[in-house]
C-alpha atoms as a PDB file:
ATOM      1  CA  MET A   1     104.072  57.709  81.310  1.00  0.00           C
ATOM      2  CA  PHE A   2     104.415  61.496  80.958  1.00  0.00           C
ATOM      3  CA  ASP A   3     104.918  61.248  77.208  1.00  0.00           C
ATOM      4  CA  TRP A   4     101.647  59.333  77.013  1.00  0.00           C
ATOM      5  CA  LEU A   5      99.829  61.778  79.350  1.00  0.00           C
ATOM      6  CA  HIS A   6     101.151  64.860  77.544  1.00  0.00           C
ATOM      7  CA  ALA A   7     100.519  63.542  74.024  1.00  0.00           C
ATOM      8  CA  ARG A   8      97.553  64.939  72.136  1.00  0.00           C
ATOM      9  CA  GLY A   9      94.797  62.498  71.452  1.00  0.00           C
ATOM     10  CA  GLY A  10      94.771  59.044  72.907  1.00  0.00           C
ATOM     11  CA  ASP A  11      92.264  57.614  75.308  1.00  0.00           C
ATOM     12  CA  ALA A  12      91.129  60.546  77.477  1.00  0.00           C
ATOM     13  CA  ASP A  13      89.326  58.240  79.906  1.00  0.00           C
ATOM     14  CA  ALA A  14      92.445  56.137  80.454  1.00  0.00           C
ATOM     15  CA  LYS A  15      94.525  59.270  81.082  1.00  0.00           C
ATOM     16  CA  ASN A  16      91.915  60.590  83.500  1.00  0.00           C
ATOM     17  CA  ASP A  17      91.905  57.218  85.294  1.00  0.00           C
ATOM     18  CA  VAL A  18      95.672  57.526  85.925  1.00  0.00           C
ATOM     19  CA  LEU A  19      95.229  61.099  87.171  1.00  0.00           C
ATOM     20  CA  GLN A  20      92.304  59.998  89.350  1.00  0.00           C
ATOM     21  CA  ARG A  21      94.455  57.303  90.996  1.00  0.00           C
ATOM     22  CA  LEU A  22      97.241  59.799  91.600  1.00  0.00           C
ATOM     23  CA  LEU A  23      94.745  62.251  93.088  1.00  0.00           C
ATOM     24  CA  ARG A  24      93.458  59.606  95.502  1.00  0.00           C
ATOM     25  CA  ALA A  25      97.022  58.751  96.536  1.00  0.00           C
ATOM     26  CA  ALA A  26      97.866  62.464  97.002  1.00  0.00           C
ATOM     27  CA  GLY A  27      95.368  62.715  99.842  1.00  0.00           C
ATOM     28  CA  GLY A  28      97.686  60.919 102.245  1.00  0.00           C
ATOM     29  CA  ASN A  29     100.135  62.794 104.440  1.00  0.00           C
ATOM     30  CA  ASP A  30     102.967  60.343 103.908  1.00  0.00           C
ATOM     31  CA  GLU A  31     105.734  59.753 101.378  1.00  0.00           C
ATOM     32  CA  VAL A  32     103.301  58.159  98.922  1.00  0.00           C
ATOM     33  CA  GLY A  33     101.066  61.242  99.114  1.00  0.00           C
ATOM     34  CA  ASP A  34     104.019  63.562  98.537  1.00  0.00           C
ATOM     35  CA  LEU A  35     105.179  61.481  95.576  1.00  0.00           C
ATOM     36  CA  ALA A  36     101.654  61.468  94.106  1.00  0.00           C
ATOM     37  CA  VAL A  37     101.499  65.286  94.400  1.00  0.00           C
ATOM     38  CA  ALA A  38     104.851  65.609  92.617  1.00  0.00           C
ATOM     39  CA  LEU A  39     103.719  63.241  89.858  1.00  0.00           C
ATOM     40  CA  LEU A  40     100.461  65.154  89.419  1.00  0.00           C
ATOM     41  CA  LEU A  41     102.381  68.427  89.162  1.00  0.00           C
ATOM     42  CA  LEU A  42     104.523  66.942  86.409  1.00  0.00           C
ATOM     43  CA  ALA A  43     101.532  65.367  84.687  1.00  0.00           C
ATOM     44  CA  LEU A  44      99.687  68.704  84.647  1.00  0.00           C
ATOM     45  CA  TRP A  45     102.736  70.754  83.637  1.00  0.00           C
ATOM     46  CA  PRO A  46     101.519  71.597  80.099  1.00  0.00           C
ATOM     47  CA  GLY A  47      98.291  72.934  81.592  1.00  0.00           C
ATOM     48  CA  LEU A  48     100.295  75.001  84.082  1.00  0.00           C
ATOM     49  CA  CYS A  49     102.157  76.544  81.142  1.00  0.00           C
ATOM     50  CA  VAL A  50      98.838  77.529  79.565  1.00  0.00           C
ATOM     51  CA  ASN A  51      97.634  79.034  82.859  1.00  0.00           C
ATOM     52  CA  ARG A  52     100.929  80.914  83.192  1.00  0.00           C
ATOM     53  CA  TYR A  53     100.500  82.409  79.710  1.00  0.00           C
ATOM     54  CA  ARG A  54      96.920  83.473  80.463  1.00  0.00           C
ATOM     55  CA  LEU A  55      97.658  84.943  83.907  1.00  0.00           C
ATOM     56  CA  ARG A  56     100.936  86.705  83.093  1.00  0.00           C
ATOM     57  CA  PRO A  57      99.249  90.003  82.085  1.00  0.00           C
ATOM     58  CA  LEU A  58      97.342  90.125  85.385  1.00  0.00           C
ATOM     59  CA  CYS A  59     100.201  89.366  87.787  1.00  0.00           C
ATOM     60  CA  ARG A  60     101.929  92.578  88.885  1.00  0.00           C
ATOM     61  CA  THR A  61     104.651  90.828  90.918  1.00  0.00           C
ATOM     62  CA  ASP A  62     107.280  88.171  90.245  1.00  0.00           C
ATOM     63  CA  THR A  63     105.326  85.507  92.125  1.00  0.00           C
ATOM     64  CA  LEU A  64     103.361  83.966  89.273  1.00  0.00           C
ATOM     65  CA  ASP A  65     105.358  80.717  89.109  1.00  0.00           C
ATOM     66  CA  ALA A  66     105.262  80.252  92.871  1.00  0.00           C
ATOM     67  CA  ASP A  67     101.545  81.085  92.923  1.00  0.00           C
ATOM     68  CA  LEU A  68     100.864  78.502  90.214  1.00  0.00           C
ATOM     69  CA  LEU A  69     102.825  75.704  91.881  1.00  0.00           C
ATOM     70  CA  GLY A  70     101.586  76.534  95.361  1.00  0.00           C
ATOM     71  CA  GLY A  71      97.999  76.913  94.215  1.00  0.00           C
ATOM     72  CA  LEU A  72      98.031  73.650  92.282  1.00  0.00           C
ATOM     73  CA  THR A  73      99.629  71.804  95.190  1.00  0.00           C
ATOM     74  CA  ALA A  74      96.979  73.174  97.548  1.00  0.00           C
ATOM     75  CA  GLY A  75      94.274  72.265  95.037  1.00  0.00           C
ATOM     76  CA  ILE A  76      95.582  68.698  94.772  1.00  0.00           C
ATOM     77  CA  ARG A  77      95.797  68.310  98.547  1.00  0.00           C
ATOM     78  CA  SER A  78      92.295  69.669  99.144  1.00  0.00           C
ATOM     79  CA  ALA A  79      90.548  67.973  96.205  1.00  0.00           C
ATOM     80  CA  GLN A  80      87.860  65.420  96.838  1.00  0.00           C
ATOM     81  CA  PRO A  81      88.639  62.573  94.403  1.00  0.00           C
ATOM     82  CA  GLN A  82      85.162  61.068  94.664  1.00  0.00           C
ATOM     83  CA  ARG A  83      83.636  64.358  93.461  1.00  0.00           C
ATOM     84  CA  THR A  84      86.209  65.146  90.747  1.00  0.00           C
ATOM     85  CA  ARG A  85      85.263  63.717  87.365  1.00  0.00           C
ATOM     86  CA  ARG A  86      87.912  65.250  85.101  1.00  0.00           C
ATOM     87  CA  VAL A  87      91.025  65.764  87.203  1.00  0.00           C
ATOM     88  CA  ALA A  88      93.134  67.915  84.873  1.00  0.00           C
ATOM     89  CA  ALA A  89      90.310  70.213  83.810  1.00  0.00           C
ATOM     90  CA  THR A  90      88.986  70.647  87.341  1.00  0.00           C
ATOM     91  CA  LEU A  91      92.314  71.367  89.011  1.00  0.00           C
ATOM     92  CA  LEU A  92      93.664  73.654  86.290  1.00  0.00           C
ATOM     93  CA  ARG A  93      90.468  75.648  85.749  1.00  0.00           C
ATOM     94  CA  ASN A  94      89.954  76.133  89.494  1.00  0.00           C
ATOM     95  CA  LEU A  95      93.566  77.286  89.820  1.00  0.00           C
ATOM     96  CA  GLU A  96      93.240  79.775  86.963  1.00  0.00           C
ATOM     97  CA  ARG A  97      89.928  81.116  88.289  1.00  0.00           C
ATOM     98  CA  ASP A  98      91.255  81.576  91.829  1.00  0.00           C
ATOM     99  CA  LEU A  99      94.490  83.271  90.757  1.00  0.00           C
ATOM    100  CA  ARG A 100      92.664  85.490  88.250  1.00  0.00           C
ATOM    101  CA  ARG A 101      90.330  86.672  91.012  1.00  0.00           C
ATOM    102  CA  ALA A 102      93.226  87.201  93.423  1.00  0.00           C
ATOM    103  CA  TYR A 103      95.260  89.234  90.914  1.00  0.00           C
ATOM    104  CA  ILE A 104      92.284  91.390  89.960  1.00  0.00           C
ATOM    105  CA  ARG A 105      91.470  91.969  93.637  1.00  0.00           C
ATOM    106  CA  GLU A 106      95.121  92.887  94.375  1.00  0.00           C
ATOM    107  CA  ASP A 107      95.138  95.310  91.458  1.00  0.00           C
ATOM    108  CA  ARG A 108      91.954  96.973  92.676  1.00  0.00           C
ATOM    109  CA  TRP A 109      93.262  97.262  96.234  1.00  0.00           C
ATOM    110  CA  SER A 110      96.564  98.716  95.067  1.00  0.00           C
ATOM    111  CA  ARG A 111      94.727 101.314  92.977  1.00  0.00           C
ATOM    112  CA  LEU A 112      92.581 102.196  95.988  1.00  0.00           C
ATOM    113  CA  THR A 113      95.648 102.424  98.246  1.00  0.00           C
ATOM    114  CA  ILE A 114      97.385 104.713  95.770  1.00  0.00           C
ATOM    115  CA  ASN A 115      94.259 106.853  95.492  1.00  0.00           C
ATOM    116  CA  LEU A 116      93.855 106.994  99.282  1.00  0.00           C
ATOM    117  CA  ASP A 117      97.486 108.084  99.637  1.00  0.00           C
ATOM    118  CA  LEU A 118      96.825 110.898  97.179  1.00  0.00           C
ATOM    119  CA  VAL A 119      93.664 112.128  98.898  1.00  0.00           C
ATOM    120  CA  GLY A 120      95.463 114.360 101.373  1.00  0.00           C
ATOM    121  CA  HIS A 121      98.087 115.711  98.965  1.00  0.00           C
ATOM    122  CA  LYS A 122      98.087 118.290  96.214  1.00  0.00           C
ATOM    123  CA  VAL A 123      98.490 116.421  92.946  1.00  0.00           C
ATOM    124  CA  ALA A 124     100.000 117.897  89.818  1.00  0.00           C
ATOM    125  CA  GLN A 125      97.242 117.963  87.257  1.00  0.00           C
ATOM    126  CA  THR A 126      98.592 116.769  83.945  1.00  0.00           C
ATOM    127  CA  GLU A 127      97.125 114.591  81.241  1.00  0.00           C
ATOM    128  CA  SER A 128      98.997 111.534  82.551  1.00  0.00           C
ATOM    129  CA  ASP A 129      97.530 111.980  86.048  1.00  0.00           C
ATOM    130  CA  ARG A 130      93.911 111.815  84.961  1.00  0.00           C
ATOM    131  CA  PRO A 131      92.689 109.441  87.737  1.00  0.00           C
ATOM    132  CA  GLU A 132      94.423 111.546  90.382  1.00  0.00           C
ATOM    133  CA  GLU A 133      92.991 114.711  88.842  1.00  0.00           C
ATOM    134  CA  ILE A 134      89.506 113.252  89.042  1.00  0.00           C
ATOM    135  CA  LEU A 135      90.114 112.127  92.631  1.00  0.00           C
ATOM    136  CA  SER A 136      91.391 115.588  93.589  1.00  0.00           C
ATOM    137  CA  SER A 137      88.379 117.242  91.960  1.00  0.00           C
ATOM    138  CA  ALA A 138      85.957 114.855  93.638  1.00  0.00           C
ATOM    139  CA  ARG A 139      87.540 115.532  97.023  1.00  0.00           C
ATOM    140  CA  ALA A 140      87.442 119.292  96.451  1.00  0.00           C
ATOM    141  CA  ALA A 141      83.763 119.145  95.493  1.00  0.00           C
ATOM    142  CA  LEU A 142      82.610 116.597  98.057  1.00  0.00           C
ATOM    143  CA  GLY A 143      85.075 116.611 100.928  1.00  0.00           C
ATOM    144  CA  GLU A 144      85.936 113.255 102.466  1.00  0.00           C
ATOM    145  CA  ASP A 145      83.145 111.487 100.570  1.00  0.00           C
ATOM    146  CA  GLY A 146      84.897 112.327  97.299  1.00  0.00           C
ATOM    147  CA  ALA A 147      87.508 109.622  97.874  1.00  0.00           C
ATOM    148  CA  LEU A 148      84.779 107.092  98.640  1.00  0.00           C
ATOM    149  CA  LEU A 149      82.857 108.066  95.523  1.00  0.00           C
ATOM    150  CA  ALA A 150      86.028 107.876  93.418  1.00  0.00           C
ATOM    151  CA  ALA A 151      86.826 104.417  94.778  1.00  0.00           C
ATOM    152  CA  VAL A 152      83.366 103.156  93.825  1.00  0.00           C
ATOM    153  CA  HIS A 153      82.698 104.960  90.553  1.00  0.00           C
ATOM    154  CA  ILE A 154      86.195 105.455  89.157  1.00  0.00           C
ATOM    155  CA  ALA A 155      88.366 102.646  90.553  1.00  0.00           C
ATOM    156  CA  GLY A 156      85.582 100.100  90.097  1.00  0.00           C
ATOM    157  CA  PHE A 157      85.263  98.828  93.663  1.00  0.00           C
ATOM    158  CA  THR A 158      81.992  97.649  95.052  1.00  0.00           C
ATOM    159  CA  GLN A 159      80.523  99.763  97.816  1.00  0.00           C
ATOM    160  CA  ARG A 160      81.214  96.898 100.228  1.00  0.00           C
ATOM    161  CA  GLU A 161      84.924  96.761  99.253  1.00  0.00           C
ATOM    162  CA  ALA A 162      85.330 100.539  99.497  1.00  0.00           C
ATOM    163  CA  ALA A 163      83.532 100.567 102.842  1.00  0.00           C
ATOM    164  CA  ALA A 164      85.974  98.016 104.224  1.00  0.00           C
ATOM    165  CA  ALA A 165      88.949 100.047 102.968  1.00  0.00           C
ATOM    166  CA  PHE A 166      87.607 103.244 104.544  1.00  0.00           C
ATOM    167  CA  GLY A 167      86.600 101.537 107.800  1.00  0.00           C
ATOM    168  CA  LEU A 168      82.880 102.097 107.261  1.00  0.00           C
ATOM    169  CA  SER A 169      79.881  99.833 107.370  1.00  0.00           C
ATOM    170  CA  HIS A 170      78.375  98.899 104.022  1.00  0.00           C
ATOM    171  CA  ASP A 171      75.198 100.846 104.801  1.00  0.00           C
ATOM    172  CA  ALA A 172      77.162 103.963 105.744  1.00  0.00           C
ATOM    173  CA  ALA A 173      79.190 103.792 102.528  1.00  0.00           C
ATOM    174  CA  ARG A 174      76.060 103.261 100.448  1.00  0.00           C
ATOM    175  CA  LYS A 175      74.324 106.280 102.024  1.00  0.00           C
ATOM    176  CA  ARG A 176      77.424 108.468 101.693  1.00  0.00           C
ATOM    177  CA  CYS A 177      77.710 107.572  98.006  1.00  0.00           C
ATOM    178  CA  GLN A 178      74.030 108.363  97.444  1.00  0.00           C
ATOM    179  CA  ARG A 179      74.326 111.747  99.192  1.00  0.00           C
ATOM    180  CA  ALA A 180      77.560 112.609  97.369  1.00  0.00           C
ATOM    181  CA  LEU A 181      76.012 111.779  93.992  1.00  0.00           C
ATOM    182  CA  ALA A 182      72.958 113.882  94.875  1.00  0.00           C
ATOM    183  CA  ARG A 183      75.231 116.821  95.816  1.00  0.00           C
ATOM    184  CA  LEU A 184      77.153 116.478  92.540  1.00  0.00           C
ATOM    185  CA  LYS A 185      73.944 116.384  90.554  1.00  0.00           C
ATOM    186  CA  GLN A 186      72.563 119.388  92.423  1.00  0.00           C
ATOM    187  CA  ASN A 187      75.787 121.400  91.985  1.00  0.00           C
ATOM    188  CA  TYR A 188      76.256 120.634  88.296  1.00  0.00           C
ATOM    189  CA  ASP A 189      72.636 120.633  87.143  1.00  0.00           C
ATOM    190  CA  ALA A 190      72.027 124.120  88.480  1.00  0.00           C
END
């Protein structure tokens, strides 16, 4: 069966019908459901390999394989078979999208955490420390709002994300960013 499912070409509708039946069976919380999940994982294995290749550059930890298998298992268990037309495409694309977003979000948060750790410390200013140099300069010019401004305009966070990291409301972060930008413009235009 797997040779037929993994082979290129063939009747795509017939393959999807088999996957659809397995997806329906995977909804049960019994041995049949567990077996259907395992069979779907094996049936979608080539697609998992493609997702792994695409996501490898984004994953900063050694959890990619576990994230893929866990995410696909969760996707299978939570899927609504009556609303899923193309099982393989839906499950694999949703998995890739969700993990891509999670890895990008983790990368942003780690950059913000590193930058926040550096806010209170003197940083050696070399060419390789350019983000830290900018953060240090922003803090020196703007005080505590410099770190907020750096998080939004240098690290690429939204004002809402930076506000949450700094323990501020979104409106407070937005106003602080506006005032800090106005101070920078006033100081450097004069």
